[in-house]
PDB file of N, CA and C in Angstrom:
ATOM      1  N   MET A   1     -56.932  51.752  10.923  1.00  0.00           N
ATOM      2  CA  MET A   1     -55.768  52.514  11.482  1.00  0.00           C
ATOM      3  C   MET A   1     -54.764  51.448  11.921  1.00  0.00           C
ATOM      4  N   ALA A   2     -53.505  51.567  11.498  1.00  0.00           N
ATOM      5  CA  ALA A   2     -52.416  50.636  11.869  1.00  0.00           C
ATOM      6  C   ALA A   2     -51.566  51.356  13.018  1.00  0.00           C
ATOM      7  N   ILE A   3     -51.170  50.475  13.909  1.00  0.00           N
ATOM      8  CA  ILE A   3     -50.344  50.934  14.918  1.00  0.00           C
ATOM      9  C   ILE A   3     -48.932  50.159  14.947  1.00  0.00           C
ATOM     10  N   GLU A   4     -47.880  50.857  14.840  1.00  0.00           N
ATOM     11  CA  GLU A   4     -46.567  50.194  14.794  1.00  0.00           C
ATOM     12  C   GLU A   4     -46.215  49.803  16.219  1.00  0.00           C
ATOM     13  N   LEU A   5     -45.992  48.535  16.470  1.00  0.00           N
ATOM     14  CA  LEU A   5     -45.635  48.076  17.828  1.00  0.00           C
ATOM     15  C   LEU A   5     -44.085  48.269  18.016  1.00  0.00           C
ATOM     16  N   LYS A   6     -43.798  48.661  19.174  1.00  0.00           N
ATOM     17  CA  LYS A   6     -42.364  48.736  19.550  1.00  0.00           C
ATOM     18  C   LYS A   6     -41.838  47.448  20.101  1.00  0.00           C
ATOM     19  N   GLU A   7     -40.670  47.119  19.838  1.00  0.00           N
ATOM     20  CA  GLU A   7     -40.091  45.864  20.293  1.00  0.00           C
ATOM     21  C   GLU A   7     -39.998  45.815  21.850  1.00  0.00           C
ATOM     22  N   ASP A   8     -40.403  44.723  22.508  1.00  0.00           N
ATOM     23  CA  ASP A   8     -40.314  44.429  23.878  1.00  0.00           C
ATOM     24  C   ASP A   8     -41.125  45.395  24.804  1.00  0.00           C
ATOM     25  N   VAL A   9     -42.136  46.028  24.194  1.00  0.00           N
ATOM     26  CA  VAL A   9     -43.078  46.862  24.966  1.00  0.00           C
ATOM     27  C   VAL A   9     -44.399  46.110  25.107  1.00  0.00           C
ATOM     28  N   PHE A  10     -45.001  46.095  26.255  1.00  0.00           N
ATOM     29  CA  PHE A  10     -46.315  45.449  26.494  1.00  0.00           C
ATOM     30  C   PHE A  10     -47.418  46.498  26.122  1.00  0.00           C
ATOM     31  N   TYR A  11     -48.418  45.959  25.457  1.00  0.00           N
ATOM     32  CA  TYR A  11     -49.637  46.633  25.126  1.00  0.00           C
ATOM     33  C   TYR A  11     -50.754  45.854  25.769  1.00  0.00           C
ATOM     34  N   SER A  12     -51.723  46.616  26.374  1.00  0.00           N
ATOM     35  CA  SER A  12     -52.888  45.904  26.975  1.00  0.00           C
ATOM     36  C   SER A  12     -54.098  46.212  26.273  1.00  0.00           C
ATOM     37  N   PHE A  13     -55.029  45.235  26.120  1.00  0.00           N
ATOM     38  CA  PHE A  13     -56.324  45.380  25.420  1.00  0.00           C
ATOM     39  C   PHE A  13     -57.178  44.371  26.145  1.00  0.00           C
ATOM     40  N   GLY A  14     -58.166  44.877  26.916  1.00  0.00           N
ATOM     41  CA  GLY A  14     -59.068  43.958  27.702  1.00  0.00           C
ATOM     42  C   GLY A  14     -58.142  43.155  28.679  1.00  0.00           C
ATOM     43  N   ASP A  15     -58.372  41.806  28.574  1.00  0.00           N
ATOM     44  CA  ASP A  15     -57.488  40.932  29.460  1.00  0.00           C
ATOM     45  C   ASP A  15     -56.252  40.432  28.698  1.00  0.00           C
ATOM     46  N   MET A  16     -55.983  41.083  27.608  1.00  0.00           N
ATOM     47  CA  MET A  16     -54.765  40.624  26.809  1.00  0.00           C
ATOM     48  C   MET A  16     -53.596  41.556  27.047  1.00  0.00           C
ATOM     49  N   MET A  17     -52.409  40.950  27.052  1.00  0.00           N
ATOM     50  CA  MET A  17     -51.126  41.646  27.042  1.00  0.00           C
ATOM     51  C   MET A  17     -50.394  41.283  25.835  1.00  0.00           C
ATOM     52  N   VAL A  18     -50.015  42.183  24.951  1.00  0.00           N
ATOM     53  CA  VAL A  18     -49.447  41.869  23.651  1.00  0.00           C
ATOM     54  C   VAL A  18     -48.017  42.472  23.714  1.00  0.00           C
ATOM     55  N   LYS A  19     -47.105  41.647  23.195  1.00  0.00           N
ATOM     56  CA  LYS A  19     -45.680  42.092  23.126  1.00  0.00           C
ATOM     57  C   LYS A  19     -45.075  41.697  21.769  1.00  0.00           C
ATOM     58  N   ALA A  20     -44.468  42.649  21.065  1.00  0.00           N
ATOM     59  CA  ALA A  20     -43.719  42.351  19.865  1.00  0.00           C
ATOM     60  C   ALA A  20     -42.282  42.134  20.209  1.00  0.00           C
ATOM     61  N   THR A  21     -41.644  41.069  19.599  1.00  0.00           N
ATOM     62  CA  THR A  21     -40.262  40.849  19.846  1.00  0.00           C
ATOM     63  C   THR A  21     -39.663  40.230  18.570  1.00  0.00           C
ATOM     64  N   THR A  22     -38.466  39.829  18.630  1.00  0.00           N
ATOM     65  CA  THR A  22     -37.766  39.138  17.553  1.00  0.00           C
ATOM     66  C   THR A  22     -37.015  37.971  18.076  1.00  0.00           C
ATOM     67  N   ASP A  23     -36.825  36.972  17.139  1.00  0.00           N
ATOM     68  CA  ASP A  23     -35.953  35.835  17.531  1.00  0.00           C
ATOM     69  C   ASP A  23     -34.441  36.083  17.167  1.00  0.00           C
ATOM     70  N   PHE A  24     -33.645  35.111  17.281  1.00  0.00           N
ATOM     71  CA  PHE A  24     -32.138  35.272  17.084  1.00  0.00           C
ATOM     72  C   PHE A  24     -31.880  35.688  15.633  1.00  0.00           C
ATOM     73  N   ASP A  25     -32.742  35.407  14.653  1.00  0.00           N
ATOM     74  CA  ASP A  25     -32.590  35.761  13.265  1.00  0.00           C
ATOM     75  C   ASP A  25     -33.333  37.047  12.972  1.00  0.00           C
ATOM     76  N   TYR A  26     -33.780  37.815  13.938  1.00  0.00           N
ATOM     77  CA  TYR A  26     -34.577  39.045  13.817  1.00  0.00           C
ATOM     78  C   TYR A  26     -35.877  38.890  13.027  1.00  0.00           C
ATOM     79  N   ASN A  27     -36.504  37.658  13.186  1.00  0.00           N
ATOM     80  CA  ASN A  27     -37.784  37.510  12.635  1.00  0.00           C
ATOM     81  C   ASN A  27     -38.843  38.014  13.672  1.00  0.00           C
ATOM     82  N   PRO A  28     -39.923  38.640  13.194  1.00  0.00           N
ATOM     83  CA  PRO A  28     -40.854  39.181  14.201  1.00  0.00           C
ATOM     84  C   PRO A  28     -41.609  38.086  14.918  1.00  0.00           C
ATOM     85  N   ILE A  29     -41.909  38.262  16.202  1.00  0.00           N
ATOM     86  CA  ILE A  29     -42.727  37.450  16.979  1.00  0.00           C
ATOM     87  C   ILE A  29     -43.725  38.234  17.727  1.00  0.00           C
ATOM     88  N   ILE A  30     -44.958  37.764  17.783  1.00  0.00           N
ATOM     89  CA  ILE A  30     -46.057  38.446  18.587  1.00  0.00           C
ATOM     90  C   ILE A  30     -46.378  37.440  19.736  1.00  0.00           C
ATOM     91  N   GLU A  31     -46.330  37.883  20.949  1.00  0.00           N
ATOM     92  CA  GLU A  31     -46.735  37.120  22.110  1.00  0.00           C
ATOM     93  C   GLU A  31     -47.924  37.732  22.713  1.00  0.00           C
ATOM     94  N   ILE A  32     -48.960  36.944  22.862  1.00  0.00           N
ATOM     95  CA  ILE A  32     -50.294  37.370  23.493  1.00  0.00           C
ATOM     96  C   ILE A  32     -50.502  36.601  24.741  1.00  0.00           C
ATOM     97  N   SER A  33     -50.701  37.211  25.868  1.00  0.00           N
ATOM     98  CA  SER A  33     -50.937  36.604  27.104  1.00  0.00           C
ATOM     99  C   SER A  33     -52.373  36.968  27.585  1.00  0.00           C
ATOM    100  N   THR A  34     -53.128  36.090  27.958  1.00  0.00           N
ATOM    101  CA  THR A  34     -54.483  36.291  28.486  1.00  0.00           C
ATOM    102  C   THR A  34     -54.700  35.522  29.851  1.00  0.00           C
ATOM    103  N   ASP A  35     -55.792  35.767  30.422  1.00  0.00           N
ATOM    104  CA  ASP A  35     -56.159  34.944  31.675  1.00  0.00           C
ATOM    105  C   ASP A  35     -56.251  33.423  31.341  1.00  0.00           C
ATOM    106  N   GLU A  36     -56.562  33.079  30.104  1.00  0.00           N
ATOM    107  CA  GLU A  36     -56.756  31.704  29.699  1.00  0.00           C
ATOM    108  C   GLU A  36     -55.506  30.995  29.293  1.00  0.00           C
ATOM    109  N   GLY A  37     -54.466  31.745  28.898  1.00  0.00           N
ATOM    110  CA  GLY A  37     -53.221  31.087  28.416  1.00  0.00           C
ATOM    111  C   GLY A  37     -52.477  32.048  27.537  1.00  0.00           C
ATOM    112  N   ASN A  38     -51.513  31.498  26.836  1.00  0.00           N
ATOM    113  CA  ASN A  38     -50.620  32.270  26.012  1.00  0.00           C
ATOM    114  C   ASN A  38     -50.600  31.860  24.590  1.00  0.00           C
ATOM    115  N   ILE A  39     -50.432  32.747  23.625  1.00  0.00           N
ATOM    116  CA  ILE A  39     -50.298  32.446  22.207  1.00  0.00           C
ATOM    117  C   ILE A  39     -49.106  33.180  21.658  1.00  0.00           C
ATOM    118  N   ILE A  40     -48.294  32.457  20.873  1.00  0.00           N
ATOM    119  CA  ILE A  40     -47.182  33.030  20.204  1.00  0.00           C
ATOM    120  C   ILE A  40     -47.388  32.835  18.587  1.00  0.00           C
ATOM    121  N   VAL A  41     -47.175  33.907  17.928  1.00  0.00           N
ATOM    122  CA  VAL A  41     -47.324  33.947  16.482  1.00  0.00           C
ATOM    123  C   VAL A  41     -45.952  34.337  15.849  1.00  0.00           C
ATOM    124  N   MET A  42     -45.560  33.478  14.899  1.00  0.00           N
ATOM    125  CA  MET A  42     -44.213  33.769  14.303  1.00  0.00           C
ATOM    126  C   MET A  42     -44.222  33.318  12.866  1.00  0.00           C
ATOM    127  N   PRO A  43     -43.373  33.879  11.988  1.00  0.00           N
ATOM    128  CA  PRO A  43     -43.359  33.487  10.630  1.00  0.00           C
ATOM    129  C   PRO A  43     -42.665  32.227  10.360  1.00  0.00           C
ATOM    130  N   SER A  44     -43.002  31.518   9.277  1.00  0.00           N
ATOM    131  CA  SER A  44     -42.414  30.235   8.881  1.00  0.00           C
ATOM    132  C   SER A  44     -42.066  30.417   7.312  1.00  0.00           C
ATOM    133  N   SER A  45     -41.520  29.363   6.853  1.00  0.00           N
ATOM    134  CA  SER A  45     -41.116  29.408   5.438  1.00  0.00           C
ATOM    135  C   SER A  45     -42.394  29.351   4.512  1.00  0.00           C
ATOM    136  N   ASN A  46     -42.249  29.767   3.255  1.00  0.00           N
ATOM    137  CA  ASN A  46     -43.330  29.765   2.243  1.00  0.00           C
ATOM    138  C   ASN A  46     -44.444  30.553   2.661  1.00  0.00           C
ATOM    139  N   ASN A  47     -44.207  31.745   3.284  1.00  0.00           N
ATOM    140  CA  ASN A  47     -45.243  32.754   3.647  1.00  0.00           C
ATOM    141  C   ASN A  47     -46.282  32.114   4.566  1.00  0.00           C
ATOM    142  N   LYS A  48     -45.938  31.204   5.360  1.00  0.00           N
ATOM    143  CA  LYS A  48     -46.868  30.608   6.357  1.00  0.00           C
ATOM    144  C   LYS A  48     -46.606  31.195   7.830  1.00  0.00           C
ATOM    145  N   VAL A  49     -47.524  30.981   8.683  1.00  0.00           N
ATOM    146  CA  VAL A  49     -47.423  31.472  10.021  1.00  0.00           C
ATOM    147  C   VAL A  49     -47.487  30.348  11.015  1.00  0.00           C
ATOM    148  N   ILE A  50     -46.686  30.313  12.007  1.00  0.00           N
ATOM    149  CA  ILE A  50     -46.751  29.328  13.084  1.00  0.00           C
ATOM    150  C   ILE A  50     -47.509  29.903  14.287  1.00  0.00           C
ATOM    151  N   VAL A  51     -48.510  29.253  14.838  1.00  0.00           N
ATOM    152  CA  VAL A  51     -49.162  29.703  16.018  1.00  0.00           C
ATOM    153  C   VAL A  51     -49.109  28.625  17.090  1.00  0.00           C
ATOM    154  N   LYS A  52     -48.496  28.981  18.245  1.00  0.00           N
ATOM    155  CA  LYS A  52     -48.336  28.052  19.336  1.00  0.00           C
ATOM    156  C   LYS A  52     -49.305  28.586  20.441  1.00  0.00           C
ATOM    157  N   SER A  53     -49.910  27.675  21.109  1.00  0.00           N
ATOM    158  CA  SER A  53     -50.878  28.114  22.202  1.00  0.00           C
ATOM    159  C   SER A  53     -50.902  27.194  23.394  1.00  0.00           C
ATOM    160  N   THR A  54     -51.013  27.777  24.533  1.00  0.00           N
ATOM    161  CA  THR A  54     -51.211  27.037  25.827  1.00  0.00           C
ATOM    162  C   THR A  54     -52.645  26.976  26.254  1.00  0.00           C
ATOM    163  N   VAL A  55     -53.505  27.491  25.430  1.00  0.00           N
ATOM    164  CA  VAL A  55     -54.967  27.536  25.763  1.00  0.00           C
ATOM    165  C   VAL A  55     -55.591  26.250  25.506  1.00  0.00           C
ATOM    166  N   ASP A  56     -56.226  25.639  26.615  1.00  0.00           N
ATOM    167  CA  ASP A  56     -56.852  24.313  26.483  1.00  0.00           C
ATOM    168  C   ASP A  56     -58.296  24.526  26.164  1.00  0.00           C
ATOM    169  N   LYS A  57     -58.790  23.977  25.048  1.00  0.00           N
ATOM    170  CA  LYS A  57     -60.151  24.071  24.718  1.00  0.00           C
ATOM    171  C   LYS A  57     -60.705  22.618  24.456  1.00  0.00           C
TER     172      LYS A  57
END
């Protein structure tokens, strides 16, 4: 089952808060916040994905 995320709306799942947004070029960005840190997922060139994390492991 797929759920379409609305822009700039927070969704909660367990200890995660998920928000879908866009950058200045209207590229989709997913922001995930947890008790452990934050993760940002965004598209890159050549069908690749950039993942930035503040989680220390």
